[in-house]
N, C-alpha and C. Protein backbone atom coordinates (compact mmCIF):
# COMPACT_ATOMS: atom_id res chain seq x y z
N MET A 1 -33.12 101.82 -46.81
CA MET A 1 -32.74 101.95 -45.57
C MET A 1 -31.80 101.14 -45.31
N ILE A 2 -32.02 99.49 -45.21
CA ILE A 2 -30.79 98.43 -45.45
C ILE A 2 -29.35 98.81 -45.93
N ARG A 3 -29.48 99.83 -47.19
CA ARG A 3 -28.77 99.40 -48.73
C ARG A 3 -27.97 100.70 -47.56
N GLN A 4 -28.39 101.72 -46.60
CA GLN A 4 -27.59 102.65 -46.30
C GLN A 4 -26.62 102.30 -45.13
N HIS A 5 -27.87 100.82 -44.40
CA HIS A 5 -26.92 100.56 -43.20
C HIS A 5 -25.95 100.03 -43.74
N ILE A 6 -25.84 98.83 -44.72
CA ILE A 6 -24.45 98.23 -44.70
C ILE A 6 -23.90 98.82 -45.33
N GLU A 7 -23.70 100.10 -45.78
CA GLU A 7 -22.74 100.92 -46.73
C GLU A 7 -22.03 101.61 -45.16
N ALA A 8 -22.63 101.76 -45.07
CA ALA A 8 -22.21 102.71 -43.30
C ALA A 8 -21.23 101.76 -42.45
N LYS A 9 -22.12 99.48 -42.58
CA LYS A 9 -20.58 99.25 -41.36
C LYS A 9 -19.69 99.21 -42.42
N ILE A 10 -19.87 98.81 -43.60
CA ILE A 10 -18.58 97.94 -44.88
C ILE A 10 -17.82 99.51 -44.60
N GLY A 11 -18.51 100.17 -44.54
CA GLY A 11 -17.33 101.68 -45.64
C GLY A 11 -17.10 101.87 -46.61
N LYS A 12 -18.07 101.00 -47.80
CA LYS A 12 -17.53 100.94 -48.67
C LYS A 12 -19.42 101.02 -49.73
N PRO A 13 -19.35 101.97 -50.67
CA PRO A 13 -20.66 101.65 -51.30
C PRO A 13 -21.01 100.48 -51.79
N LEU A 14 -22.74 100.03 -52.37
CA LEU A 14 -22.51 98.70 -53.23
C LEU A 14 -22.89 99.06 -54.34
N THR A 15 -22.36 98.48 -55.15
CA THR A 15 -22.85 98.86 -56.72
C THR A 15 -23.72 98.34 -56.21
N ASP A 16 -24.61 99.30 -57.74
CA ASP A 16 -26.09 98.79 -58.02
C ASP A 16 -26.73 96.88 -58.05
N GLU A 17 -25.42 96.27 -59.07
CA GLU A 17 -25.91 95.12 -59.31
C GLU A 17 -26.05 94.32 -58.10
N GLU A 18 -25.07 94.12 -56.96
CA GLU A 18 -24.58 93.77 -55.48
C GLU A 18 -25.54 93.85 -54.92
N PHE A 19 -26.10 95.38 -55.33
CA PHE A 19 -27.70 95.82 -54.66
C PHE A 19 -28.90 94.79 -55.12
N ASP A 20 -28.87 94.76 -55.92
CA ASP A 20 -30.08 94.31 -56.45
C ASP A 20 -29.68 93.11 -56.41
N TYR A 21 -29.14 92.51 -56.55
CA TYR A 21 -28.81 90.23 -56.39
C TYR A 21 -29.09 90.19 -54.81
N PHE A 22 -28.79 91.24 -53.95
CA PHE A 22 -28.85 90.92 -52.26
C PHE A 22 -30.37 91.03 -52.17
N SER A 23 -31.24 92.74 -52.26
CA SER A 23 -32.06 92.66 -52.17
C SER A 23 -33.54 91.61 -53.01
N LYS A 24 -32.88 90.64 -53.88
CA LYS A 24 -34.28 89.66 -54.53
C LYS A 24 -34.16 88.87 -53.38
N LEU A 25 -33.01 88.61 -52.36
CA LEU A 25 -33.19 87.93 -51.65
C LEU A 25 -34.11 88.22 -50.26
N LEU A 26 -34.38 89.05 -50.16
CA LEU A 26 -34.52 89.61 -49.07
C LEU A 26 -36.57 89.45 -49.48
N ARG A 27 -36.96 90.02 -47.63
CA ARG A 27 -38.69 89.25 -47.84
C ARG A 27 -39.20 91.14 -47.19
N HIS A 28 -40.04 91.47 -47.45
CA HIS A 28 -40.57 92.15 -46.36
C HIS A 28 -41.55 92.10 -45.82
N LYS A 29 -41.81 92.03 -44.51
CA LYS A 29 -43.15 92.08 -43.14
C LYS A 29 -43.69 92.92 -42.92
N SER A 30 -44.46 93.33 -42.92
CA SER A 30 -45.58 94.62 -42.28
C SER A 30 -45.86 93.58 -40.60
N VAL A 31 -46.52 94.01 -39.62
CA VAL A 31 -46.57 93.01 -38.62
C VAL A 31 -47.61 93.79 -37.09
N GLY A 32 -48.30 93.76 -36.81
CA GLY A 32 -48.86 94.39 -36.02
C GLY A 32 -48.82 94.19 -34.39
N PRO A 33 -48.80 94.82 -33.83
CA PRO A 33 -48.10 94.60 -32.26
C PRO A 33 -48.67 93.25 -32.04
N LYS A 34 -48.25 93.27 -30.27
CA LYS A 34 -47.94 91.84 -30.15
C LYS A 34 -47.83 90.87 -30.95
N GLU A 35 -47.55 90.68 -31.84
CA GLU A 35 -47.53 89.33 -32.90
C GLU A 35 -45.78 88.31 -31.96
N VAL A 36 -45.73 86.72 -32.26
CA VAL A 36 -44.81 86.67 -32.09
C VAL A 36 -44.09 86.23 -32.92
N LEU A 37 -42.74 86.78 -33.72
CA LEU A 37 -41.85 86.28 -34.46
C LEU A 37 -41.73 84.90 -34.49
N ILE A 38 -40.81 84.48 -33.30
CA ILE A 38 -39.96 82.90 -32.82
C ILE A 38 -40.42 83.27 -31.40
N HIS A 39 -41.01 81.89 -31.31
CA HIS A 39 -41.41 81.21 -30.34
C HIS A 39 -40.24 80.60 -29.59
N ALA A 40 -39.96 80.61 -28.51
CA ALA A 40 -38.62 80.02 -27.51
C ALA A 40 -38.63 78.58 -27.47
N GLY A 41 -38.38 77.48 -27.71
CA GLY A 41 -39.03 76.24 -28.15
C GLY A 41 -38.50 75.31 -29.34
N ASP A 42 -39.09 76.70 -30.65
CA ASP A 42 -39.00 76.41 -31.91
C ASP A 42 -37.60 76.53 -32.22
N ARG A 43 -36.98 76.49 -33.32
CA ARG A 43 -35.58 76.23 -34.45
C ARG A 43 -36.24 77.73 -35.58
N CYS A 44 -35.19 78.32 -35.55
CA CYS A 44 -35.28 80.17 -35.51
C CYS A 44 -34.18 79.95 -37.61
N SER A 45 -34.44 79.97 -38.10
CA SER A 45 -33.79 80.16 -39.44
C SER A 45 -34.43 81.56 -39.91
N LYS A 46 -34.48 83.05 -39.41
CA LYS A 46 -34.59 84.42 -39.66
C LYS A 46 -34.19 85.41 -38.44
N LEU A 47 -33.41 86.13 -39.04
CA LEU A 47 -32.61 87.49 -38.96
C LEU A 47 -34.00 88.78 -39.54
N TYR A 48 -34.28 89.29 -38.15
CA TYR A 48 -34.89 90.29 -38.81
C TYR A 48 -34.24 91.92 -38.30
N PHE A 49 -34.18 92.87 -39.64
CA PHE A 49 -34.14 94.15 -39.60
C PHE A 49 -35.03 94.75 -39.55
N VAL A 50 -34.75 95.54 -38.51
CA VAL A 50 -36.20 96.43 -37.95
C VAL A 50 -36.08 98.35 -39.27
N GLU A 51 -36.98 98.20 -40.25
CA GLU A 51 -37.49 99.29 -40.88
C GLU A 51 -37.92 100.39 -40.07
N LYS A 52 -38.73 100.18 -39.32
CA LYS A 52 -39.90 100.84 -38.50
C LYS A 52 -40.73 99.74 -37.15
N GLY A 53 -41.10 100.00 -36.16
CA GLY A 53 -41.52 100.01 -34.84
C GLY A 53 -40.17 99.47 -33.94
N ALA A 54 -40.84 98.79 -33.12
CA ALA A 54 -40.33 97.77 -31.44
C ALA A 54 -40.72 97.09 -31.34
N LEU A 55 -40.06 96.07 -31.40
CA LEU A 55 -39.81 94.86 -30.53
C LEU A 55 -39.12 94.75 -29.21
N HIS A 56 -38.90 93.19 -28.65
CA HIS A 56 -38.80 92.72 -27.72
C HIS A 56 -38.17 91.38 -27.21
N SER A 57 -36.95 90.59 -27.02
CA SER A 57 -37.12 89.40 -26.90
C SER A 57 -36.74 89.55 -25.80
N PHE A 58 -37.37 88.11 -25.28
CA PHE A 58 -37.43 88.24 -23.48
C PHE A 58 -37.21 86.01 -23.68
N LEU A 59 -37.26 86.07 -22.38
CA LEU A 59 -36.61 84.87 -21.79
C LEU A 59 -37.61 84.31 -20.85
N THR A 60 -38.08 83.51 -20.99
CA THR A 60 -39.23 83.17 -19.23
C THR A 60 -38.38 82.11 -18.66
N ASP A 61 -38.35 82.64 -17.40
CA ASP A 61 -37.28 81.49 -16.14
C ASP A 61 -38.32 80.02 -15.97
N ASP A 62 -38.02 79.19 -15.06
CA ASP A 62 -38.46 77.90 -14.85
C ASP A 62 -40.02 78.54 -13.51
N ALA A 63 -40.10 79.74 -13.39
CA ALA A 63 -40.90 79.84 -12.52
C ALA A 63 -42.37 80.76 -13.10
N GLY A 64 -41.95 80.85 -14.62
CA GLY A 64 -42.57 81.30 -15.46
C GLY A 64 -42.57 83.01 -15.61
N ASN A 65 -41.34 83.70 -15.35
CA ASN A 65 -40.99 84.95 -15.44
C ASN A 65 -40.60 85.01 -16.44
N ALA A 66 -40.59 86.64 -17.14
CA ALA A 66 -40.17 86.65 -18.09
C ALA A 66 -39.35 88.45 -18.15
N HIS A 67 -37.99 88.07 -18.51
CA HIS A 67 -37.21 88.62 -18.52
C HIS A 67 -36.57 89.63 -20.06
N VAL A 68 -36.63 90.71 -19.84
CA VAL A 68 -36.59 91.27 -21.47
C VAL A 68 -35.01 90.86 -21.47
N VAL A 69 -34.47 90.42 -22.82
CA VAL A 69 -33.08 90.61 -23.23
C VAL A 69 -32.79 91.52 -24.07
N GLN A 70 -33.29 91.83 -25.24
CA GLN A 70 -32.90 92.75 -26.28
C GLN A 70 -34.59 93.88 -26.86
N LEU A 71 -34.10 95.01 -26.79
CA LEU A 71 -35.05 95.65 -27.12
C LEU A 71 -34.78 96.24 -28.32
N ALA A 72 -35.68 96.42 -29.81
CA ALA A 72 -34.84 96.23 -30.62
C ALA A 72 -35.89 97.46 -31.19
N PHE A 73 -35.32 98.86 -32.00
CA PHE A 73 -35.93 99.55 -32.93
C PHE A 73 -35.23 100.07 -34.36
N GLU A 74 -36.04 101.68 -35.22
CA GLU A 74 -35.42 101.26 -36.02
C GLU A 74 -34.02 101.20 -36.44
N GLY A 75 -33.28 100.30 -37.05
CA GLY A 75 -32.27 100.12 -37.61
C GLY A 75 -31.09 99.28 -36.69
N HIS A 76 -32.38 98.50 -36.11
CA HIS A 76 -31.77 97.36 -35.05
C HIS A 76 -32.16 96.07 -36.29
N TRP A 77 -31.31 95.05 -35.47
CA TRP A 77 -31.88 93.23 -35.38
C TRP A 77 -32.00 92.76 -34.70
N ILE A 78 -33.31 91.56 -34.46
CA ILE A 78 -33.20 90.59 -33.76
C ILE A 78 -33.39 89.84 -34.15
N SER A 79 -33.43 89.21 -33.33
CA SER A 79 -33.20 87.39 -33.73
C SER A 79 -32.67 86.27 -32.18
N ASP A 80 -33.24 85.14 -32.57
CA ASP A 80 -32.43 84.53 -31.62
C ASP A 80 -31.60 83.86 -32.07
N MET A 81 -30.23 84.43 -31.89
CA MET A 81 -28.88 84.14 -32.18
C MET A 81 -28.05 83.06 -31.81
N TYR A 82 -28.62 81.78 -31.08
CA TYR A 82 -27.95 80.74 -31.05
C TYR A 82 -29.24 79.88 -31.67
N SER A 83 -30.07 80.02 -31.43
CA SER A 83 -30.36 78.79 -32.35
C SER A 83 -30.52 78.80 -34.03
N PHE A 84 -30.37 80.44 -34.27
CA PHE A 84 -30.04 80.40 -35.77
C PHE A 84 -28.49 80.43 -35.78
N HIS A 85 -27.73 80.16 -35.43
CA HIS A 85 -26.65 79.57 -35.64
C HIS A 85 -26.37 78.57 -35.14
N MET A 86 -27.00 77.94 -34.44
CA MET A 86 -25.90 76.16 -33.72
C MET A 86 -27.47 75.01 -34.19
N ASP A 87 -28.65 75.60 -34.62
CA ASP A 87 -29.44 75.13 -34.90
C ASP A 87 -29.84 73.70 -34.17
N LYS A 88 -30.39 75.22 -33.10
CA LYS A 88 -30.96 74.86 -31.55
C LYS A 88 -32.19 75.11 -31.25
N PRO A 89 -32.98 74.94 -30.17
CA PRO A 89 -34.47 75.36 -29.87
C PRO A 89 -33.85 76.70 -29.21
N ALA A 90 -34.57 77.87 -29.83
CA ALA A 90 -34.87 78.82 -29.83
C ALA A 90 -35.03 78.97 -27.71
N LEU A 91 -33.69 80.24 -27.27
CA LEU A 91 -33.61 80.32 -26.06
C LEU A 91 -34.85 81.26 -25.60
N PHE A 92 -34.98 82.25 -26.88
CA PHE A 92 -35.88 83.29 -26.08
C PHE A 92 -37.57 83.32 -27.39
N THR A 93 -38.01 84.42 -27.29
CA THR A 93 -39.48 84.74 -27.40
C THR A 93 -39.56 86.23 -28.27
N VAL A 94 -39.33 86.34 -29.39
CA VAL A 94 -39.62 88.33 -30.15
C VAL A 94 -40.59 88.51 -30.78
N GLU A 95 -41.30 89.51 -29.86
CA GLU A 95 -42.15 90.02 -29.95
C GLU A 95 -42.22 91.68 -30.25
N THR A 96 -43.15 91.89 -30.98
CA THR A 96 -43.63 93.13 -31.67
C THR A 96 -44.08 93.84 -30.44
N LEU A 97 -43.50 95.08 -30.40
CA LEU A 97 -44.35 96.15 -29.45
C LEU A 97 -45.77 96.83 -29.84
N GLU A 98 -45.23 96.93 -30.88
CA GLU A 98 -45.78 97.84 -31.91
C GLU A 98 -45.67 97.67 -33.31
N HIS A 99 -46.86 97.82 -34.24
CA HIS A 99 -46.94 97.97 -35.65
C HIS A 99 -44.97 97.98 -35.89
N CYS A 100 -44.42 96.91 -37.14
CA CYS A 100 -43.66 96.76 -37.51
C CYS A 100 -43.46 96.50 -39.03
N GLU A 101 -42.19 96.95 -39.41
CA GLU A 101 -41.97 96.92 -40.81
C GLU A 101 -40.82 96.48 -40.44
N LEU A 102 -40.58 94.83 -40.92
CA LEU A 102 -39.48 94.45 -40.97
C LEU A 102 -38.71 94.32 -42.31
N ILE A 103 -37.43 93.25 -42.43
CA ILE A 103 -37.23 93.27 -43.49
C ILE A 103 -36.72 91.34 -43.42
N VAL A 104 -36.76 90.70 -43.82
CA VAL A 104 -36.22 89.34 -43.44
C VAL A 104 -35.62 88.84 -44.01
N PHE A 105 -34.49 87.98 -43.43
CA PHE A 105 -32.93 87.75 -44.07
C PHE A 105 -33.38 86.30 -43.61
N GLU A 106 -33.66 85.11 -44.51
CA GLU A 106 -33.91 83.89 -44.05
C GLU A 106 -31.92 82.95 -44.34
N LYS A 107 -31.85 82.02 -43.67
CA LYS A 107 -30.56 81.78 -43.29
C LYS A 107 -29.46 81.04 -44.59
N THR A 108 -31.09 80.79 -45.19
CA THR A 108 -30.18 80.11 -46.52
C THR A 108 -29.40 80.98 -47.41
N ALA A 109 -30.65 82.47 -47.01
CA ALA A 109 -30.60 83.25 -47.96
C ALA A 109 -29.28 83.91 -47.59
N ILE A 110 -28.85 84.25 -46.42
CA ILE A 110 -27.54 85.06 -45.82
C ILE A 110 -26.15 84.30 -46.19
N ALA A 111 -26.71 82.67 -46.21
CA ALA A 111 -24.89 81.97 -46.67
C ALA A 111 -25.24 82.11 -48.36
N GLU A 112 -26.38 82.10 -48.81
CA GLU A 112 -26.34 82.69 -50.33
C GLU A 112 -24.97 83.22 -50.64
N ALA A 113 -25.59 84.70 -50.14
CA ALA A 113 -25.07 86.45 -50.38
C ALA A 113 -23.30 86.24 -49.63
N CYS A 114 -23.63 85.59 -48.21
CA CYS A 114 -22.12 85.71 -47.81
C CYS A 114 -21.24 85.00 -49.24
N ASP A 115 -21.69 83.93 -49.77
CA ASP A 115 -20.61 83.34 -50.82
C ASP A 115 -20.53 83.62 -52.02
N LYS A 116 -21.63 84.62 -52.46
CA LYS A 116 -21.68 85.19 -53.98
C LYS A 116 -20.61 87.21 -53.70
N LEU A 117 -21.23 87.39 -52.23
CA LEU A 117 -20.64 89.18 -52.61
C LEU A 117 -19.83 88.91 -51.19
N GLN A 118 -18.69 89.83 -51.03
CA GLN A 118 -17.57 90.00 -50.54
C GLN A 118 -17.82 90.67 -49.14
N LYS A 119 -19.12 91.90 -50.35
CA LYS A 119 -19.35 93.22 -49.02
C LYS A 119 -20.56 92.51 -47.79
N ILE A 120 -20.85 91.67 -48.78
CA ILE A 120 -22.06 91.04 -47.89
C ILE A 120 -22.07 89.98 -46.71
N GLU A 121 -20.66 89.29 -47.19
CA GLU A 121 -20.13 88.81 -45.74
C GLU A 121 -19.26 89.16 -44.94
N ARG A 122 -18.86 90.49 -45.36
CA ARG A 122 -17.87 91.21 -44.45
C ARG A 122 -19.07 92.29 -43.67
N PHE A 123 -20.34 92.23 -44.42
CA PHE A 123 -21.39 92.75 -43.48
C PHE A 123 -21.72 92.73 -42.14
N PHE A 124 -21.89 90.75 -42.05
CA PHE A 124 -22.87 90.06 -41.54
C PHE A 124 -21.49 89.71 -40.69
N ARG A 125 -20.49 89.61 -41.14
CA ARG A 125 -19.42 89.67 -40.00
C ARG A 125 -19.25 90.86 -39.03
N ILE A 126 -19.36 91.78 -39.06
CA ILE A 126 -18.77 93.13 -38.88
C ILE A 126 -20.48 93.39 -37.79
N LEU A 127 -21.76 92.65 -38.02
CA LEU A 127 -22.68 92.77 -37.36
C LEU A 127 -22.66 91.92 -36.64
N ALA A 128 -22.05 90.66 -36.33
CA ALA A 128 -21.80 89.48 -35.16
C ALA A 128 -20.63 90.39 -34.19
N GLN A 129 -19.61 90.38 -34.77
CA GLN A 129 -18.72 90.75 -33.86
C GLN A 129 -19.33 92.83 -33.62
N ASN A 130 -20.26 93.22 -33.44
CA ASN A 130 -20.41 93.91 -32.89
C ASN A 130 -21.70 93.72 -31.93
N ALA A 131 -22.41 92.47 -32.24
CA ALA A 131 -23.53 91.96 -31.77
C ALA A 131 -23.24 91.70 -30.12
N TYR A 132 -21.62 90.77 -30.34
CA TYR A 132 -20.54 90.19 -29.19
C TYR A 132 -20.58 91.24 -28.80
N ALA A 133 -19.68 92.96 -29.27
CA ALA A 133 -18.88 93.10 -28.18
C ALA A 133 -20.02 94.05 -27.39
N ALA A 134 -21.87 94.49 -28.19
CA ALA A 134 -22.87 94.82 -27.30
C ALA A 134 -23.33 94.77 -26.56
N ALA A 135 -23.01 92.33 -26.33
CA ALA A 135 -23.56 92.10 -25.27
C ALA A 135 -22.80 92.25 -24.24
N GLN A 136 -21.51 92.05 -24.32
CA GLN A 136 -20.52 92.10 -23.32
C GLN A 136 -20.35 93.63 -22.21
N TYR A 137 -20.14 94.17 -23.39
CA TYR A 137 -20.50 95.63 -22.59
C TYR A 137 -21.83 95.72 -21.70
N ARG A 138 -23.63 94.84 -22.17
CA ARG A 138 -24.13 95.29 -21.65
C ARG A 138 -24.00 94.46 -20.01
N ILE A 139 -23.59 92.93 -19.83
CA ILE A 139 -22.92 92.95 -18.61
C ILE A 139 -22.05 92.82 -17.96
N ALA A 140 -21.47 94.08 -18.90
CA ALA A 140 -20.16 94.33 -17.86
C ALA A 140 -20.65 95.52 -17.11
N ARG A 141 -22.00 96.46 -18.04
CA ARG A 141 -22.76 97.31 -17.20
C ARG A 141 -23.76 97.31 -15.87
N SER A 142 -24.10 95.85 -16.25
CA SER A 142 -24.82 95.13 -15.01
C SER A 142 -24.70 94.74 -13.98
N PHE A 143 -23.30 94.40 -14.32
CA PHE A 143 -21.78 94.31 -12.75
C PHE A 143 -21.55 96.09 -12.49
N SER A 144 -21.52 96.97 -13.39
CA SER A 144 -20.09 97.74 -12.51
C SER A 144 -20.99 99.19 -12.66
N ALA A 145 -22.37 98.85 -13.32
CA ALA A 145 -23.05 100.44 -12.59
C ALA A 145 -24.67 100.34 -11.77
N ASP A 146 -25.08 101.71 -11.41
CA ASP A 146 -26.34 101.20 -10.58
C ASP A 146 -27.49 101.70 -11.97
N THR A 147 -28.55 100.69 -10.87
CA THR A 147 -29.89 100.51 -11.93
C THR A 147 -30.37 102.29 -12.37
N GLU A 148 -30.22 103.30 -12.34
CA GLU A 148 -30.31 104.35 -12.69
C GLU A 148 -29.40 105.18 -13.48
N ALA A 149 -28.29 104.64 -13.25
CA ALA A 149 -27.09 105.33 -14.56
C ALA A 149 -27.10 104.44 -15.38
N ARG A 150 -27.51 102.85 -15.42
CA ARG A 150 -27.94 102.50 -17.13
C ARG A 150 -29.05 103.05 -17.01
N TYR A 151 -30.32 103.08 -16.49
CA TYR A 151 -31.63 103.97 -17.07
C TYR A 151 -31.48 105.36 -17.99
N LEU A 152 -30.81 105.50 -17.39
CA LEU A 152 -30.38 107.16 -18.01
C LEU A 152 -29.86 106.93 -19.40
N GLU A 153 -28.71 105.66 -18.96
CA GLU A 153 -27.86 105.56 -20.54
C GLU A 153 -28.43 105.17 -21.14
N LEU A 154 -29.81 103.92 -21.44
CA LEU A 154 -30.61 103.49 -21.71
C LEU A 154 -31.85 105.22 -22.62
N ILE A 155 -31.68 105.73 -22.20
CA ILE A 155 -33.02 106.30 -22.63
C ILE A 155 -31.89 107.64 -22.99
N ALA A 156 -31.20 107.45 -23.05
CA ALA A 156 -30.09 108.86 -23.78
C ALA A 156 -30.14 108.35 -25.37
N LYS A 157 -29.92 107.00 -25.39
CA LYS A 157 -29.79 106.64 -26.30
C LYS A 157 -30.42 106.20 -27.25
N HIS A 158 -32.24 106.05 -26.60
CA HIS A 158 -33.06 105.55 -27.05
C HIS A 158 -33.59 107.21 -26.68
N THR A 159 -34.14 108.28 -26.89
CA THR A 159 -34.58 109.40 -26.03
C THR A 159 -36.40 109.34 -25.79
N ASP A 160 -37.27 107.88 -26.75
CA ASP A 160 -38.14 108.18 -27.19
C ASP A 160 -38.58 106.51 -26.40
N ILE A 161 -38.09 106.14 -25.88
CA ILE A 161 -38.33 104.83 -24.82
C ILE A 161 -39.61 104.80 -24.25
N VAL A 162 -39.14 105.87 -23.38
CA VAL A 162 -40.56 105.83 -22.30
C VAL A 162 -42.03 105.95 -23.07
N GLN A 163 -41.91 106.29 -23.83
CA GLN A 163 -43.59 106.31 -24.89
C GLN A 163 -43.72 105.45 -25.75
N ARG A 164 -42.64 104.40 -26.24
CA ARG A 164 -42.95 103.29 -26.63
C ARG A 164 -42.63 101.67 -26.44
N VAL A 165 -42.13 101.66 -24.84
CA VAL A 165 -42.17 100.36 -24.13
C VAL A 165 -42.43 100.77 -23.26
N PRO A 166 -43.27 99.98 -22.61
CA PRO A 166 -44.14 100.03 -21.07
C PRO A 166 -43.13 100.02 -19.98
N GLN A 167 -43.96 100.29 -19.55
CA GLN A 167 -41.95 100.53 -18.09
C GLN A 167 -41.92 99.06 -17.33
N PHE A 168 -42.92 98.29 -17.14
CA PHE A 168 -42.76 97.29 -16.68
C PHE A 168 -41.44 96.25 -17.93
N LEU A 169 -41.08 96.40 -19.19
CA LEU A 169 -40.49 95.93 -19.54
C LEU A 169 -39.35 96.58 -20.19
N ILE A 170 -39.35 98.03 -19.22
CA ILE A 170 -37.85 98.54 -19.52
C ILE A 170 -37.04 98.62 -18.19
N ALA A 171 -38.31 98.21 -17.12
CA ALA A 171 -36.78 97.20 -15.47
C ALA A 171 -36.94 96.08 -16.01
N SER A 172 -37.59 95.29 -16.47
CA SER A 172 -37.15 93.66 -16.72
C SER A 172 -35.89 94.34 -17.71
N TYR A 173 -35.77 94.68 -18.65
CA TYR A 173 -34.10 95.42 -19.64
C TYR A 173 -33.43 95.32 -18.49
N LEU A 174 -33.40 96.19 -17.74
CA LEU A 174 -32.68 96.72 -16.56
C LEU A 174 -32.93 95.43 -15.56
N GLY A 175 -32.99 94.88 -15.26
CA GLY A 175 -33.19 93.59 -13.99
C GLY A 175 -33.38 94.45 -12.85
N VAL A 176 -34.54 94.80 -12.93
CA VAL A 176 -35.22 95.23 -12.14
C VAL A 176 -36.79 94.96 -11.39
N LYS A 177 -37.43 95.24 -10.66
CA LYS A 177 -38.70 94.86 -10.56
C LYS A 177 -39.92 96.77 -10.89
N PRO A 178 -40.51 96.97 -11.09
CA PRO A 178 -40.96 98.26 -12.04
C PRO A 178 -40.98 98.70 -10.70
N GLN A 179 -41.04 97.99 -9.95
CA GLN A 179 -41.34 99.41 -8.51
C GLN A 179 -39.89 99.99 -8.35
N SER A 180 -39.18 99.34 -8.31
CA SER A 180 -37.64 99.94 -8.33
C SER A 180 -37.71 101.17 -9.18
N LEU A 181 -37.63 100.32 -10.63
CA LEU A 181 -37.05 101.67 -11.66
C LEU A 181 -38.65 103.02 -11.22
N SER A 182 -39.37 103.34 -11.44
CA SER A 182 -40.70 103.64 -10.54
C SER A 182 -40.30 104.38 -9.52
N ARG A 183 -39.16 103.77 -8.87
CA ARG A 183 -38.93 104.70 -7.59
C ARG A 183 -37.68 105.89 -7.79
N ILE A 184 -37.00 104.44 -8.51
CA ILE A 184 -35.63 105.65 -9.24
C ILE A 184 -36.13 106.78 -10.16
N ARG A 185 -37.35 106.78 -11.45
CA ARG A 185 -37.70 107.38 -11.58
C ARG A 185 -38.49 108.67 -11.05
N LYS A 186 -39.11 108.72 -10.21
CA LYS A 186 -39.16 109.63 -8.41
C LYS A 186 -37.99 110.55 -8.50
N GLN A 187 -37.85 109.58 -7.86
CA GLN A 187 -36.29 110.75 -7.19
C GLN A 187 -35.60 111.13 -8.35
N MET A 188 -35.44 111.58 -9.47
CA MET A 188 -34.53 111.58 -10.32
C MET A 188 -35.07 112.77 -11.01
N ALA A 189 -36.94 112.43 -11.00
CA ALA A 189 -38.08 113.81 -11.28
C ALA A 189 -37.97 115.04 -10.07
N GLU A 190 -37.33 114.45 -8.72
CA GLU A 190 -37.57 115.52 -7.25
C GLU A 190 -36.25 116.28 -7.40
N ARG A 191 -35.13 115.26 -8.29
CA ARG A 191 -33.85 116.32 -8.58
C ARG A 191 -33.38 117.11 -9.18
N ARG A 192 -34.74 117.17 -9.64
CA ARG A 192 -34.95 117.96 -11.03
C ARG A 192 -35.05 119.57 -10.59
């Protein structure tokens, strides 16, 4: 899956030699639900590629309220990019929501692969660009679209999200109270 993901992003195939070299730098991790992979305040030196499962990252404010900033499913990446790139304490906690099969990328392994393989360097550059663009889009939509429109967009993109992610986490991701999301879902059901 990771090879297909890389080749799709860069628009070129990896040679078997390139992929063999790269794959030796990776490790697989199998974790159950409710496992914390990154604790806010710790240093983060890993990126996670989701082969199977669902995770979320969240920020806890001074009042102790958790705010979901990312939901990650199959084919997604998750980490605390601020900590990873800036070598600062993590802002976010990353936790599994269900059993996950992950590929773990250590910061040193990524640096080595990028130094040795131009295609891998290109891949991680494209990945960073796409993540930045997606973050900007999400910020823009949070100001320009109402909650119902953002909810519809989310469930269109992830058709099984309602079955996989608790409603209170979806509400947090959308920046609303669970009661507001319940009301929106009820209104949508009544219109059908």
